[in-house]
PDB file of N, CA and C in Angstrom:
ATOM      1  N   MET A   1      28.805 -46.584   2.412  1.00  0.00           N
ATOM      2  CA  MET A   1      28.786 -45.053   2.525  1.00  0.00           C
ATOM      3  C   MET A   1      27.875 -44.620   3.629  1.00  0.00           C
ATOM      4  N   ASN A   2      28.393 -43.682   4.409  1.00  0.00           N
ATOM      5  CA  ASN A   2      27.616 -43.185   5.620  1.00  0.00           C
ATOM      6  C   ASN A   2      26.600 -42.267   5.165  1.00  0.00           C
ATOM      7  N   THR A   3      25.419 -42.388   5.588  1.00  0.00           N
ATOM      8  CA  THR A   3      24.288 -41.321   5.224  1.00  0.00           C
ATOM      9  C   THR A   3      24.009 -40.626   6.642  1.00  0.00           C
ATOM     10  N   TYR A   4      23.936 -39.380   6.575  1.00  0.00           N
ATOM     11  CA  TYR A   4      23.639 -38.599   7.808  1.00  0.00           C
ATOM     12  C   TYR A   4      22.085 -38.310   7.768  1.00  0.00           C
ATOM     13  N   LEU A   5      21.577 -38.397   8.792  1.00  0.00           N
ATOM     14  CA  LEU A   5      20.147 -38.338   8.953  1.00  0.00           C
ATOM     15  C   LEU A   5      19.568 -36.931   8.562  1.00  0.00           C
ATOM     16  N   PHE A   6      20.245 -35.931   8.907  1.00  0.00           N
ATOM     17  CA  PHE A   6      19.844 -34.491   8.451  1.00  0.00           C
ATOM     18  C   PHE A   6      20.137 -34.316   7.048  1.00  0.00           C
ATOM     19  N   LEU A   7      21.000 -35.009   6.341  1.00  0.00           N
ATOM     20  CA  LEU A   7      21.277 -34.606   5.017  1.00  0.00           C
ATOM     21  C   LEU A   7      20.566 -35.617   3.997  1.00  0.00           C
ATOM     22  N   GLY A   8      20.196 -36.791   4.419  1.00  0.00           N
ATOM     23  CA  GLY A   8      19.660 -37.616   3.439  1.00  0.00           C
ATOM     24  C   GLY A   8      20.582 -38.066   2.380  1.00  0.00           C
ATOM     25  N   ASN A   9      20.003 -38.201   1.241  1.00  0.00           N
ATOM     26  CA  ASN A   9      20.900 -38.614   0.130  1.00  0.00           C
ATOM     27  C   ASN A   9      21.140 -37.552  -0.877  1.00  0.00           C
ATOM     28  N   LEU A  10      22.104 -36.718  -0.622  1.00  0.00           N
ATOM     29  CA  LEU A  10      22.285 -35.492  -1.565  1.00  0.00           C
ATOM     30  C   LEU A  10      23.317 -35.857  -2.512  1.00  0.00           C
ATOM     31  N   GLY A  11      22.953 -35.579  -3.822  1.00  0.00           N
ATOM     32  CA  GLY A  11      23.780 -35.936  -4.983  1.00  0.00           C
ATOM     33  C   GLY A  11      24.449 -34.672  -5.428  1.00  0.00           C
ATOM     34  N   ALA A  12      25.171 -34.806  -6.514  1.00  0.00           N
ATOM     35  CA  ALA A  12      25.925 -33.624  -7.063  1.00  0.00           C
ATOM     36  C   ALA A  12      24.883 -32.662  -7.547  1.00  0.00           C
ATOM     37  N   THR A  13      23.937 -32.979  -8.105  1.00  0.00           N
ATOM     38  CA  THR A  13      22.845 -32.023  -8.558  1.00  0.00           C
ATOM     39  C   THR A  13      22.297 -31.237  -7.479  1.00  0.00           C
ATOM     40  N   GLU A  14      21.899 -31.877  -6.398  1.00  0.00           N
ATOM     41  CA  GLU A  14      21.261 -31.121  -5.237  1.00  0.00           C
ATOM     42  C   GLU A  14      22.363 -30.034  -4.718  1.00  0.00           C
ATOM     43  N   ILE A  15      23.616 -30.581  -4.567  1.00  0.00           N
ATOM     44  CA  ILE A  15      24.603 -29.687  -4.039  1.00  0.00           C
ATOM     45  C   ILE A  15      24.759 -28.399  -4.974  1.00  0.00           C
ATOM     46  N   ILE A  16      24.834 -28.730  -6.177  1.00  0.00           N
ATOM     47  CA  ILE A  16      24.988 -27.466  -7.117  1.00  0.00           C
ATOM     48  C   ILE A  16      23.773 -26.619  -7.017  1.00  0.00           C
ATOM     49  N   LEU A  17      22.521 -27.122  -6.816  1.00  0.00           N
ATOM     50  CA  LEU A  17      21.456 -26.252  -6.848  1.00  0.00           C
ATOM     51  C   LEU A  17      21.477 -25.516  -5.472  1.00  0.00           C
ATOM     52  N   ILE A  18      21.928 -26.118  -4.403  1.00  0.00           N
ATOM     53  CA  ILE A  18      22.012 -25.372  -3.014  1.00  0.00           C
ATOM     54  C   ILE A  18      23.104 -24.242  -3.188  1.00  0.00           C
ATOM     55  N   ALA A  19      24.124 -24.527  -3.849  1.00  0.00           N
ATOM     56  CA  ALA A  19      25.209 -23.563  -4.096  1.00  0.00           C
ATOM     57  C   ALA A  19      24.654 -22.413  -4.865  1.00  0.00           C
ATOM     58  N   LEU A  20      23.958 -22.659  -5.944  1.00  0.00           N
ATOM     59  CA  LEU A  20      23.315 -21.512  -6.729  1.00  0.00           C
ATOM     60  C   LEU A  20      22.367 -20.706  -5.923  1.00  0.00           C
ATOM     61  N   VAL A  21      21.571 -21.329  -5.138  1.00  0.00           N
ATOM     62  CA  VAL A  21      20.612 -20.628  -4.296  1.00  0.00           C
ATOM     63  C   VAL A  21      21.379 -19.672  -3.304  1.00  0.00           C
ATOM     64  N   VAL A  22      22.419 -20.228  -2.666  1.00  0.00           N
ATOM     65  CA  VAL A  22      23.282 -19.331  -1.768  1.00  0.00           C
ATOM     66  C   VAL A  22      23.829 -18.220  -2.533  1.00  0.00           C
ATOM     67  N   LEU A  23      24.391 -18.511  -3.746  1.00  0.00           N
ATOM     68  CA  LEU A  23      24.971 -17.310  -4.583  1.00  0.00           C
ATOM     69  C   LEU A  23      23.905 -16.356  -4.889  1.00  0.00           C
ATOM     70  N   LEU A  24      22.664 -16.704  -5.085  1.00  0.00           N
ATOM     71  CA  LEU A  24      21.679 -15.847  -5.467  1.00  0.00           C
ATOM     72  C   LEU A  24      21.234 -15.017  -4.216  1.00  0.00           C
ATOM     73  N   PHE A  25      21.136 -15.547  -3.027  1.00  0.00           N
ATOM     74  CA  PHE A  25      20.756 -14.872  -1.877  1.00  0.00           C
ATOM     75  C   PHE A  25      21.915 -13.806  -1.340  1.00  0.00           C
ATOM     76  N   PHE A  26      23.165 -14.366  -1.344  1.00  0.00           N
ATOM     77  CA  PHE A  26      24.216 -13.487  -0.886  1.00  0.00           C
ATOM     78  C   PHE A  26      25.085 -12.689  -1.920  1.00  0.00           C
ATOM     79  N   GLY A  27      25.076 -13.064  -3.144  1.00  0.00           N
ATOM     80  CA  GLY A  27      25.887 -12.430  -4.143  1.00  0.00           C
ATOM     81  C   GLY A  27      27.334 -12.858  -4.150  1.00  0.00           C
ATOM     82  N   GLY A  28      28.152 -12.669  -5.197  1.00  0.00           N
ATOM     83  CA  GLY A  28      29.425 -13.157  -5.330  1.00  0.00           C
ATOM     84  C   GLY A  28      30.327 -12.408  -4.385  1.00  0.00           C
ATOM     85  N   LYS A  29      30.072 -11.187  -4.069  1.00  0.00           N
ATOM     86  CA  LYS A  29      30.965 -10.404  -3.223  1.00  0.00           C
ATOM     87  C   LYS A  29      30.874 -10.731  -1.617  1.00  0.00           C
ATOM     88  N   LYS A  30      29.731 -11.234  -1.432  1.00  0.00           N
ATOM     89  CA  LYS A  30      29.484 -11.393   0.113  1.00  0.00           C
ATOM     90  C   LYS A  30      30.061 -12.863   0.499  1.00  0.00           C
ATOM     91  N   ILE A  31      29.980 -13.675  -0.424  1.00  0.00           N
ATOM     92  CA  ILE A  31      30.441 -15.110   0.020  1.00  0.00           C
ATOM     93  C   ILE A  31      31.883 -15.185   0.621  1.00  0.00           C
ATOM     94  N   PRO A  32      32.786 -14.590  -0.049  1.00  0.00           N
ATOM     95  CA  PRO A  32      34.161 -14.548   0.502  1.00  0.00           C
ATOM     96  C   PRO A  32      34.206 -13.816   2.023  1.00  0.00           C
ATOM     97  N   GLU A  33      33.428 -12.874   2.011  1.00  0.00           N
ATOM     98  CA  GLU A  33      33.422 -12.213   3.451  1.00  0.00           C
ATOM     99  C   GLU A  33      32.799 -13.246   4.493  1.00  0.00           C
ATOM    100  N   LEU A  34      31.799 -13.886   4.082  1.00  0.00           N
ATOM    101  CA  LEU A  34      31.088 -14.892   5.036  1.00  0.00           C
ATOM    102  C   LEU A  34      32.171 -15.905   5.312  1.00  0.00           C
ATOM    103  N   MET A  35      32.808 -16.481   4.379  1.00  0.00           N
ATOM    104  CA  MET A  35      33.782 -17.656   4.579  1.00  0.00           C
ATOM    105  C   MET A  35      34.878 -17.067   5.467  1.00  0.00           C
ATOM    106  N   LYS A  36      35.331 -15.865   5.319  1.00  0.00           N
ATOM    107  CA  LYS A  36      36.278 -15.351   6.089  1.00  0.00           C
ATOM    108  C   LYS A  36      36.018 -15.257   7.585  1.00  0.00           C
ATOM    109  N   GLY A  37      34.718 -14.698   7.753  1.00  0.00           N
ATOM    110  CA  GLY A  37      34.192 -14.721   9.128  1.00  0.00           C
ATOM    111  C   GLY A  37      33.999 -16.050   9.785  1.00  0.00           C
ATOM    112  N   LEU A  38      33.629 -16.993   8.905  1.00  0.00           N
ATOM    113  CA  LEU A  38      33.425 -18.310   9.497  1.00  0.00           C
ATOM    114  C   LEU A  38      34.797 -19.043   9.928  1.00  0.00           C
ATOM    115  N   GLY A  39      35.868 -18.631   8.992  1.00  0.00           N
ATOM    116  CA  GLY A  39      37.227 -19.189   9.371  1.00  0.00           C
ATOM    117  C   GLY A  39      37.676 -18.590  10.652  1.00  0.00           C
ATOM    118  N   LYS A  40      37.364 -17.229  10.901  1.00  0.00           N
ATOM    119  CA  LYS A  40      37.877 -16.558  12.063  1.00  0.00           C
ATOM    120  C   LYS A  40      37.077 -17.117  13.312  1.00  0.00           C
ATOM    121  N   GLY A  41      35.952 -17.380  13.120  1.00  0.00           N
ATOM    122  CA  GLY A  41      35.064 -18.017  14.208  1.00  0.00           C
ATOM    123  C   GLY A  41      35.643 -19.393  14.676  1.00  0.00           C
ATOM    124  N   VAL A  42      35.919 -20.207  13.558  1.00  0.00           N
ATOM    125  CA  VAL A  42      36.470 -21.594  13.885  1.00  0.00           C
ATOM    126  C   VAL A  42      37.831 -21.471  14.557  1.00  0.00           C
ATOM    127  N   LYS A  43      38.729 -20.641  14.110  1.00  0.00           N
ATOM    128  CA  LYS A  43      40.117 -20.462  14.560  1.00  0.00           C
ATOM    129  C   LYS A  43      39.883 -19.935  16.171  1.00  0.00           C
ATOM    130  N   SER A  44      39.000 -19.041  16.281  1.00  0.00           N
ATOM    131  CA  SER A  44      38.773 -18.570  17.670  1.00  0.00           C
ATOM    132  C   SER A  44      38.238 -19.772  18.592  1.00  0.00           C
ATOM    133  N   PHE A  45      37.386 -20.488  18.169  1.00  0.00           N
ATOM    134  CA  PHE A  45      36.913 -21.690  18.786  1.00  0.00           C
ATOM    135  C   PHE A  45      37.954 -22.572  19.214  1.00  0.00           C
ATOM    136  N   LYS A  46      38.858 -22.890  18.267  1.00  0.00           N
ATOM    137  CA  LYS A  46      39.967 -23.961  18.459  1.00  0.00           C
ATOM    138  C   LYS A  46      40.873 -23.199  19.529  1.00  0.00           C
ATOM    139  N   ASP A  47      41.139 -21.920  19.373  1.00  0.00           N
ATOM    140  CA  ASP A  47      42.105 -21.414  20.346  1.00  0.00           C
ATOM    141  C   ASP A  47      41.538 -21.367  21.705  1.00  0.00           C
ATOM    142  N   GLY A  48      40.146 -21.288  21.972  1.00  0.00           N
ATOM    143  CA  GLY A  48      39.566 -21.244  23.145  1.00  0.00           C
ATOM    144  C   GLY A  48      39.627 -22.700  23.785  1.00  0.00           C
ATOM    145  N   VAL A  49      39.285 -23.720  22.931  1.00  0.00           N
ATOM    146  CA  VAL A  49      39.498 -25.179  23.426  1.00  0.00           C
ATOM    147  C   VAL A  49      40.895 -25.553  23.849  1.00  0.00           C
ATOM    148  N   ASN A  50      41.915 -25.024  23.040  1.00  0.00           N
ATOM    149  CA  ASN A  50      43.249 -25.212  23.380  1.00  0.00           C
ATOM    150  C   ASN A  50      43.707 -24.574  24.737  1.00  0.00           C
ATOM    151  N   GLY A  51      43.178 -23.359  24.865  1.00  0.00           N
ATOM    152  CA  GLY A  51      43.397 -22.612  26.121  1.00  0.00           C
ATOM    153  C   GLY A  51      42.787 -23.362  27.377  1.00  0.00           C
ATOM    154  N   ILE A  52      41.516 -23.892  27.232  1.00  0.00           N
ATOM    155  CA  ILE A  52      41.007 -24.584  28.279  1.00  0.00           C
ATOM    156  C   ILE A  52      41.800 -25.886  28.681  1.00  0.00           C
ATOM    157  N   GLU A  53      42.200 -26.666  27.596  1.00  0.00           N
ATOM    158  CA  GLU A  53      43.030 -27.771  27.762  1.00  0.00           C
ATOM    159  C   GLU A  53      44.243 -27.549  28.532  1.00  0.00           C
ATOM    160  N   LYS A  54      44.911 -26.330  28.135  1.00  0.00           N
ATOM    161  CA  LYS A  54      46.240 -25.977  28.881  1.00  0.00           C
ATOM    162  C   LYS A  54      45.947 -25.520  30.191  1.00  0.00           C
ATOM    163  N   ASP A  55      44.687 -25.026  30.465  1.00  0.00           N
ATOM    164  CA  ASP A  55      44.362 -24.693  31.975  1.00  0.00           C
ATOM    165  C   ASP A  55      44.148 -25.897  32.678  1.00  0.00           C
ATOM    166  N   ILE A  56      43.503 -26.853  32.121  1.00  0.00           N
ATOM    167  CA  ILE A  56      43.272 -28.104  32.839  1.00  0.00           C
ATOM    168  C   ILE A  56      44.541 -28.863  33.196  1.00  0.00           C
ATOM    169  N   LYS A  57      45.507 -28.921  32.140  1.00  0.00           N
ATOM    170  CA  LYS A  57      46.654 -29.548  32.414  1.00  0.00           C
ATOM    171  C   LYS A  57      47.581 -28.901  33.342  1.00  0.00           C
ATOM    172  N   GLY A  58      47.576 -27.531  33.439  1.00  0.00           N
ATOM    173  CA  GLY A  58      48.126 -26.802  34.395  1.00  0.00           C
ATOM    174  C   GLY A  58      47.679 -27.076  35.737  1.00  0.00           C
ATOM    175  N   GLU A  59      46.384 -27.104  35.910  1.00  0.00           N
ATOM    176  CA  GLU A  59      45.799 -27.382  37.262  1.00  0.00           C
ATOM    177  C   GLU A  59      46.307 -28.784  37.767  1.00  0.00           C
ATOM    178  N   GLU A  60      46.168 -29.707  36.828  1.00  0.00           N
ATOM    179  CA  GLU A  60      46.564 -31.152  37.248  1.00  0.00           C
ATOM    180  C   GLU A  60      48.153 -31.146  37.689  1.00  0.00           C
ATOM    181  N   LYS A  61      48.881 -30.384  36.937  1.00  0.00           N
ATOM    182  CA  LYS A  61      50.338 -30.386  37.300  1.00  0.00           C
ATOM    183  C   LYS A  61      50.489 -29.748  38.625  1.00  0.00           C
ATOM    184  N   ASP A  62      49.835 -28.448  38.883  1.00  0.00           N
ATOM    185  CA  ASP A  62      49.936 -27.858  40.215  1.00  0.00           C
ATOM    186  C   ASP A  62      49.475 -28.707  41.275  1.00  0.00           C
ATOM    187  N   SER A  63      48.392 -29.489  41.046  1.00  0.00           N
ATOM    188  CA  SER A  63      47.816 -30.344  42.258  1.00  0.00           C
ATOM    189  C   SER A  63      48.761 -31.483  42.464  1.00  0.00           C
ATOM    190  N   SER A  64      49.445 -31.963  41.440  1.00  0.00           N
ATOM    191  CA  SER A  64      50.358 -33.040  41.746  1.00  0.00           C
ATOM    192  C   SER A  64      51.652 -32.596  42.271  1.00  0.00           C
ATOM    193  N   GLU A  65      52.072 -31.263  42.094  1.00  0.00           N
ATOM    194  CA  GLU A  65      53.219 -30.706  42.761  1.00  0.00           C
ATOM    195  C   GLU A  65      52.974 -30.515  44.228  1.00  0.00           C
ATOM    196  N   LYS A  66      51.728 -29.978  44.508  1.00  0.00           N
ATOM    197  CA  LYS A  66      51.339 -29.812  45.889  1.00  0.00           C
ATOM    198  C   LYS A  66      51.277 -31.065  46.689  1.00  0.00           C
ATOM    199  N   SER A  67      50.768 -32.131  46.070  1.00  0.00           N
ATOM    200  CA  SER A  67      50.677 -33.314  46.834  1.00  0.00           C
ATOM    201  C   SER A  67      52.107 -34.009  47.064  1.00  0.00           C
ATOM    202  N   GLU A  68      53.143 -33.678  46.292  1.00  0.00           N
ATOM    203  CA  GLU A  68      54.473 -34.069  46.602  1.00  0.00           C
ATOM    204  C   GLU A  68      55.106 -33.457  47.755  1.00  0.00           C
ATOM    205  N   GLU A  69      54.665 -32.251  48.143  1.00  0.00           N
ATOM    206  CA  GLU A  69      55.402 -31.514  49.246  1.00  0.00           C
ATOM    207  C   GLU A  69      55.001 -32.002  50.520  1.00  0.00           C
TER     208      GLU A  69
END
């Protein structure tokens, strides 16, 4: 089993305790809004990465076409 340095050995009890503390801090109504915002952020990040990859591939294609002429 992989153990991550920053997490240590978290068991089910610790995870439940952390979830309860988060629920107390933010409340039941705010958590779905936070997750929705997090999901939009991740989607935006992935779209940006895909856009950069397309730009790089397009530049490689353009440079190979120019070298053939």
